[in-house]
Amino acid sequence: MKYDLSGVHAVNLKLLKEIDRICRKYKIKYALDSGTLLGAIRHGGFIPWDDDVDVVFTRANYEMFKKVARRELPEGMSFVEPDEYHGGKAFYDFVSRVTYDKSQKFEDSGKMAFYDDKITRLNVDLFILDPLPDKAIPKKITKLLHCVVYGLALGHRWKIELSDYKGIMKLFVAVLSTVGRLIPFPVIYKLWKALCAKDKNKNTGLYFYTNYAPDYFYVEMKKEWDDTVEEISFEDTKLFIPTGWEHQLTQVYGDYMKLPPKEKQVPEHSDMEIKIYG
């Protein structure tokens, strides 16, 4: 299927501009992240085949954004937190989002209903950076604890595709998700928040993404890469990127200026041609 993403990019740009407006108004630091950051550097805007948007905050800046987002976002956009699905009983991931409510990108009606139709919309993923211990053993323990909590939370997903995992990881997910079903998700969510705050006041030199999936825990950022931001042209506007953007892109993508093969230049976050209703 050939996708026309011009409408999707127009909506995603609206979402980014609203986040940027709010952050400038309240002096909150944010930065483009992942594929959106890559698009800013390599394409001067969206990657032509990319259909999602990513923004990152340090924890303190995220908490400031969280306080004002609901009252500042215009009608038709919503701020959704990870504990707001299915009456607070369901887990999709630990990522908060700003959604464009009049859009749809999945066809699975059962999945849509389970998550209150909130994950089906075009959205900006809001990633969070928390301190990571510098020393090897405390660092490994921190990441392991996050993996365990994530595994427990998987017990409250719509479906778990164990075929996505191999070897010891399949057993790890199967056991933890089974145990997790016995623990109410609000309890697991509080545990995750406590874990994120564990190293809050420690004097470390590193950040990591605490609300990404565990397979992204290999990414570690020096604090000086993300504590300051700089403006860059993005499509028809100016947005912010981390000052250490080159280090981050190299760590995640390697030779980030090299285009992927043609067969991989396709949208990854939809199972249908995305519908936009307004």
Protein backbone atom coordinates (compact mmCIF):
# COMPACT_ATOMS: atom_id res chain seq x y z
CA MET A 1 0.00 0.00 0.00
CA LYS A 2 1.28 3.44 -0.88
CA TYR A 3 0.85 5.97 1.90
CA ASP A 4 0.27 9.69 1.44
CA LEU A 5 1.54 11.17 4.67
CA SER A 6 1.07 14.85 3.81
CA GLY A 7 -2.07 15.05 5.96
CA VAL A 8 -0.41 13.13 8.77
CA HIS A 9 2.59 15.44 8.74
CA ALA A 10 0.31 18.50 8.76
CA VAL A 11 -1.46 17.18 11.88
CA ASN A 12 1.80 16.19 13.55
CA LEU A 13 3.18 19.66 12.91
CA LYS A 14 0.09 21.16 14.58
CA LEU A 15 0.74 18.98 17.61
CA LEU A 16 4.41 19.98 17.76
CA LYS A 17 3.57 23.66 17.44
CA GLU A 18 1.13 23.45 20.34
CA ILE A 19 3.69 21.72 22.56
CA ASP A 20 6.27 24.32 21.55
CA ARG A 21 3.83 27.18 22.29
CA ILE A 22 3.04 25.84 25.75
CA CYS A 23 6.69 25.22 26.58
CA ARG A 24 7.76 28.70 25.46
CA LYS A 25 4.92 30.27 27.47
CA TYR A 26 5.93 28.50 30.69
CA LYS A 27 9.70 28.38 30.03
CA ILE A 28 9.73 24.59 29.90
CA LYS A 29 12.64 22.90 28.12
CA TYR A 30 11.78 20.17 25.62
CA ALA A 31 13.59 18.69 22.63
CA LEU A 32 12.73 16.73 19.51
CA ASP A 33 13.74 13.10 19.91
CA SER A 34 14.33 9.85 18.02
CA GLY A 35 13.00 9.88 14.43
CA THR A 36 11.71 13.45 14.77
CA LEU A 37 15.17 14.64 15.79
CA LEU A 38 16.68 12.63 12.95
CA GLY A 39 14.22 14.20 10.52
CA ALA A 40 15.11 17.69 11.75
CA ILE A 41 18.81 17.11 11.11
CA ARG A 42 18.66 15.00 7.95
CA HIS A 43 15.54 16.33 6.22
CA GLY A 44 14.87 19.73 7.75
CA GLY A 45 11.53 18.42 9.00
CA PHE A 46 9.69 15.11 8.99
CA ILE A 47 11.28 11.96 7.62
CA PRO A 48 9.13 11.52 4.47
CA TRP A 49 7.91 8.02 5.45
CA ASP A 50 7.66 8.58 9.23
CA ASP A 51 4.17 8.74 10.72
CA ASP A 52 4.82 9.51 14.40
CA VAL A 53 6.37 12.28 16.47
CA ASP A 54 8.70 12.14 19.48
CA VAL A 55 9.59 14.77 22.09
CA VAL A 56 11.74 14.38 25.20
CA PHE A 57 11.80 16.15 28.57
CA THR A 58 14.00 15.83 31.62
CA ARG A 59 11.84 14.78 34.58
CA ALA A 60 11.49 18.28 36.12
CA ASN A 61 10.47 19.78 32.78
CA TYR A 62 7.98 16.99 32.14
CA GLU A 63 6.33 17.59 35.52
CA MET A 64 5.95 21.28 34.65
CA PHE A 65 4.42 20.42 31.28
CA LYS A 66 2.05 17.94 32.91
CA LYS A 67 0.70 20.64 35.24
CA VAL A 68 -0.38 22.96 32.43
CA ALA A 69 -1.00 20.69 29.42
CA ARG A 70 -4.68 19.92 29.93
CA ARG A 71 -5.77 23.51 30.34
CA GLU A 72 -3.50 24.83 27.57
CA LEU A 73 -4.17 22.34 24.77
CA PRO A 74 -6.87 23.46 22.32
CA GLU A 75 -10.10 21.58 21.70
CA GLY A 76 -9.43 18.46 19.65
CA MET A 77 -6.11 17.67 21.38
CA SER A 78 -5.74 15.71 24.60
CA PHE A 79 -3.03 14.93 27.13
CA VAL A 80 -3.07 11.22 28.01
CA GLU A 81 -1.06 9.62 30.80
CA PRO A 82 -0.13 5.92 31.05
CA ASP A 83 -2.59 5.19 33.89
CA GLU A 84 -5.66 6.47 32.03
CA TYR A 85 -6.55 3.45 29.92
CA HIS A 86 -9.56 1.27 30.73
CA GLY A 87 -10.35 3.08 33.96
CA GLY A 88 -6.73 2.96 35.06
CA LYS A 89 -6.63 -0.84 34.89
CA ALA A 90 -4.86 -1.35 31.54
CA PHE A 91 -1.25 -1.01 30.46
CA TYR A 92 -0.07 -0.04 27.01
CA ASP A 93 3.29 1.48 27.92
CA PHE A 94 4.66 4.10 30.31
CA VAL A 95 4.62 6.88 27.69
CA SER A 96 2.42 9.98 28.04
CA ARG A 97 1.03 11.43 24.82
CA VAL A 98 -0.52 14.50 23.28
CA THR A 99 -3.16 13.16 20.89
CA TYR A 100 -5.06 14.52 17.91
CA ASP A 101 -8.53 13.29 18.73
CA LYS A 102 -10.04 13.28 15.22
CA SER A 103 -7.75 10.65 13.74
CA GLN A 104 -7.38 6.88 13.57
CA LYS A 105 -4.41 4.68 12.74
CA PHE A 106 -5.45 1.16 13.84
CA GLU A 107 -8.29 -1.10 12.75
CA ASP A 108 -8.41 -3.58 15.65
CA SER A 109 -11.72 -2.69 17.31
CA GLY A 110 -11.06 -4.90 20.35
CA LYS A 111 -7.74 -3.23 21.01
CA MET A 112 -9.27 0.20 20.40
CA ALA A 113 -12.04 -0.41 22.94
CA PHE A 114 -9.67 -1.83 25.55
CA TYR A 115 -7.54 1.32 25.46
CA ASP A 116 -10.57 3.67 25.26
CA ASP A 117 -9.64 4.52 21.65
CA LYS A 118 -6.73 6.63 22.97
CA ILE A 119 -3.77 4.81 21.41
CA THR A 120 -5.40 4.80 17.97
CA ARG A 121 -4.93 8.52 17.38
CA LEU A 122 -2.09 10.47 15.87
CA ASN A 123 0.01 11.62 18.77
CA VAL A 124 3.27 12.98 20.07
CA ASP A 125 5.10 10.54 22.35
CA LEU A 126 6.46 12.37 25.41
CA PHE A 127 9.60 10.65 26.60
CA ILE A 128 11.20 11.28 29.98
CA LEU A 129 14.84 11.32 31.03
CA ASP A 130 15.74 10.35 34.60
CA PRO A 131 19.16 10.07 36.24
CA LEU A 132 21.10 6.86 35.75
CA PRO A 133 23.87 5.81 38.16
CA ASP A 134 27.38 6.20 36.76
CA LYS A 135 28.86 3.07 38.34
CA ALA A 136 28.41 -0.25 36.56
CA ILE A 137 26.70 -2.32 39.26
CA PRO A 138 24.15 0.29 40.44
CA LYS A 139 23.46 1.02 36.76
CA LYS A 140 22.72 -2.64 36.02
CA ILE A 141 20.51 -2.94 39.10
CA THR A 142 18.53 0.17 38.10
CA LYS A 143 17.92 -1.13 34.59
CA LEU A 144 17.04 -4.61 35.85
CA LEU A 145 14.45 -3.20 38.27
CA HIS A 146 12.87 -1.20 35.45
CA CYS A 147 12.75 -4.34 33.30
CA VAL A 148 11.02 -6.24 36.09
CA VAL A 149 8.38 -3.54 36.62
CA TYR A 150 7.77 -3.34 32.86
CA GLY A 151 7.38 -7.10 32.72
CA LEU A 152 4.83 -7.02 35.55
CA ALA A 153 2.91 -4.26 33.78
CA LEU A 154 2.69 -6.38 30.62
CA GLY A 155 0.22 -8.56 32.50
CA HIS A 156 -2.32 -5.77 32.02
CA ARG A 157 -1.95 -5.41 28.26
CA TRP A 158 -4.67 -6.19 25.71
CA LYS A 159 -2.49 -8.96 24.31
CA ILE A 160 1.05 -10.18 24.78
CA GLU A 161 2.77 -11.50 21.68
CA LEU A 162 5.29 -13.92 23.15
CA SER A 163 6.45 -14.65 19.60
CA ASP A 164 8.06 -11.20 19.69
CA TYR A 165 10.54 -12.52 22.26
CA LYS A 166 13.20 -15.19 22.07
CA GLY A 167 15.02 -17.49 24.47
CA ILE A 168 15.34 -16.33 28.05
CA MET A 169 13.45 -13.11 27.30
CA LYS A 170 10.34 -15.09 26.32
CA LEU A 171 10.45 -16.92 29.68
CA PHE A 172 11.17 -13.65 31.51
CA VAL A 173 8.13 -11.94 29.95
CA ALA A 174 5.85 -14.97 30.38
CA VAL A 175 6.64 -15.34 34.09
CA LEU A 176 6.56 -11.64 34.99
CA SER A 177 3.37 -10.89 33.06
CA THR A 178 1.65 -13.85 34.74
CA VAL A 179 2.67 -12.54 38.17
CA GLY A 180 1.73 -9.02 37.10
CA ARG A 181 -1.87 -10.05 36.41
CA LEU A 182 -2.23 -10.74 40.12
CA ILE A 183 -1.16 -7.18 41.02
CA PRO A 184 -3.54 -4.30 40.24
CA PHE A 185 -2.04 -2.00 37.63
CA PRO A 186 -2.36 1.12 39.85
CA VAL A 187 0.00 -0.60 42.29
CA ILE A 188 2.49 -1.38 39.52
CA TYR A 189 2.23 2.19 38.24
CA LYS A 190 3.04 3.58 41.70
CA LEU A 191 5.98 1.19 41.87
CA TRP A 192 7.23 2.45 38.50
CA LYS A 193 6.95 6.10 39.61
CA ALA A 194 8.84 5.32 42.82
CA LEU A 195 11.54 3.58 40.81
CA CYS A 196 11.88 6.60 38.50
CA ALA A 197 12.34 8.83 41.55
CA LYS A 198 14.91 6.55 43.16
CA ASP A 199 17.97 8.33 41.75
CA LYS A 200 16.32 11.76 41.48
CA ASN A 201 18.65 13.57 43.87
CA LYS A 202 21.80 11.59 43.18
CA ASN A 203 24.70 13.42 41.58
CA THR A 204 25.11 11.32 38.43
CA GLY A 205 26.34 12.37 35.03
CA LEU A 206 23.93 10.27 32.98
CA TYR A 207 20.30 10.14 31.87
CA PHE A 208 18.28 7.28 30.41
CA TYR A 209 14.74 6.93 29.07
CA THR A 210 12.68 5.50 31.92
CA ASN A 211 9.40 5.34 29.98
CA TYR A 212 10.72 3.70 26.82
CA ALA A 213 10.47 -0.07 26.48
CA PRO A 214 13.43 -1.93 28.08
CA ASP A 215 15.00 -2.70 24.70
CA TYR A 216 15.94 1.00 24.56
CA PHE A 217 17.77 1.01 27.90
CA TYR A 218 21.09 0.66 26.10
CA VAL A 219 20.80 4.35 25.19
CA GLU A 220 22.58 6.47 27.80
CA MET A 221 23.01 10.24 27.54
CA LYS A 222 25.45 12.50 29.28
CA LYS A 223 23.49 15.15 31.13
CA GLU A 224 25.19 18.00 29.29
CA TRP A 225 23.69 16.69 26.03
CA ASP A 226 20.14 17.27 27.26
CA ASP A 227 20.20 19.90 29.98
CA THR A 228 20.44 22.62 27.35
CA VAL A 229 18.63 22.97 24.03
CA GLU A 230 18.99 24.94 20.81
CA GLU A 231 16.61 26.07 18.09
CA ILE A 232 16.49 24.51 14.65
CA SER A 233 14.36 25.07 11.58
CA PHE A 234 11.71 22.36 11.21
CA GLU A 235 9.34 22.51 8.24
CA ASP A 236 7.88 26.04 8.39
CA THR A 237 8.73 26.77 12.03
CA LYS A 238 11.49 26.60 14.64
CA LEU A 239 11.61 23.93 17.32
CA PHE A 240 14.15 22.81 19.92
CA ILE A 241 16.68 19.99 19.85
CA PRO A 242 19.20 18.85 22.50
CA THR A 243 22.61 20.48 22.28
CA GLY A 244 24.15 17.01 22.23
CA TRP A 245 22.01 15.91 19.29
CA GLU A 246 24.94 14.53 17.29
CA HIS A 247 26.01 12.20 20.11
CA GLN A 248 22.44 10.99 20.63
CA LEU A 249 21.79 10.30 16.96
CA THR A 250 25.10 8.48 16.58
CA GLN A 251 24.34 6.28 19.59
CA VAL A 252 20.88 5.35 18.30
CA TYR A 253 21.33 5.27 14.51
CA GLY A 254 25.06 5.01 13.87
CA ASP A 255 25.63 6.76 10.51
CA TYR A 256 22.46 8.81 10.88
CA MET A 257 22.85 10.67 7.58
CA LYS A 258 22.67 7.40 5.61
CA LEU A 259 19.19 6.58 4.31
CA PRO A 260 17.77 3.10 5.05
CA PRO A 261 17.06 0.69 2.16
CA LYS A 262 13.95 1.47 0.08
CA GLU A 263 12.03 -1.47 1.54
CA LYS A 264 12.39 0.04 5.02
CA GLN A 265 11.20 3.50 4.00
CA VAL A 266 7.64 2.77 5.17
CA PRO A 267 5.42 3.90 8.08
CA GLU A 268 5.82 1.75 11.18
CA HIS A 269 3.10 2.94 13.54
CA SER A 270 -0.15 2.15 11.73
CA ASP A 271 -1.90 -0.92 10.36
CA MET A 272 -4.06 1.06 7.90
CA GLU A 273 -4.09 4.22 5.84
CA ILE A 274 -4.40 6.81 8.58
CA LYS A 275 -7.75 8.60 8.71
CA ILE A 276 -8.07 12.25 9.70
CA TYR A 277 -11.57 13.58 10.39
CA GLY A 278 -10.89 17.27 10.95
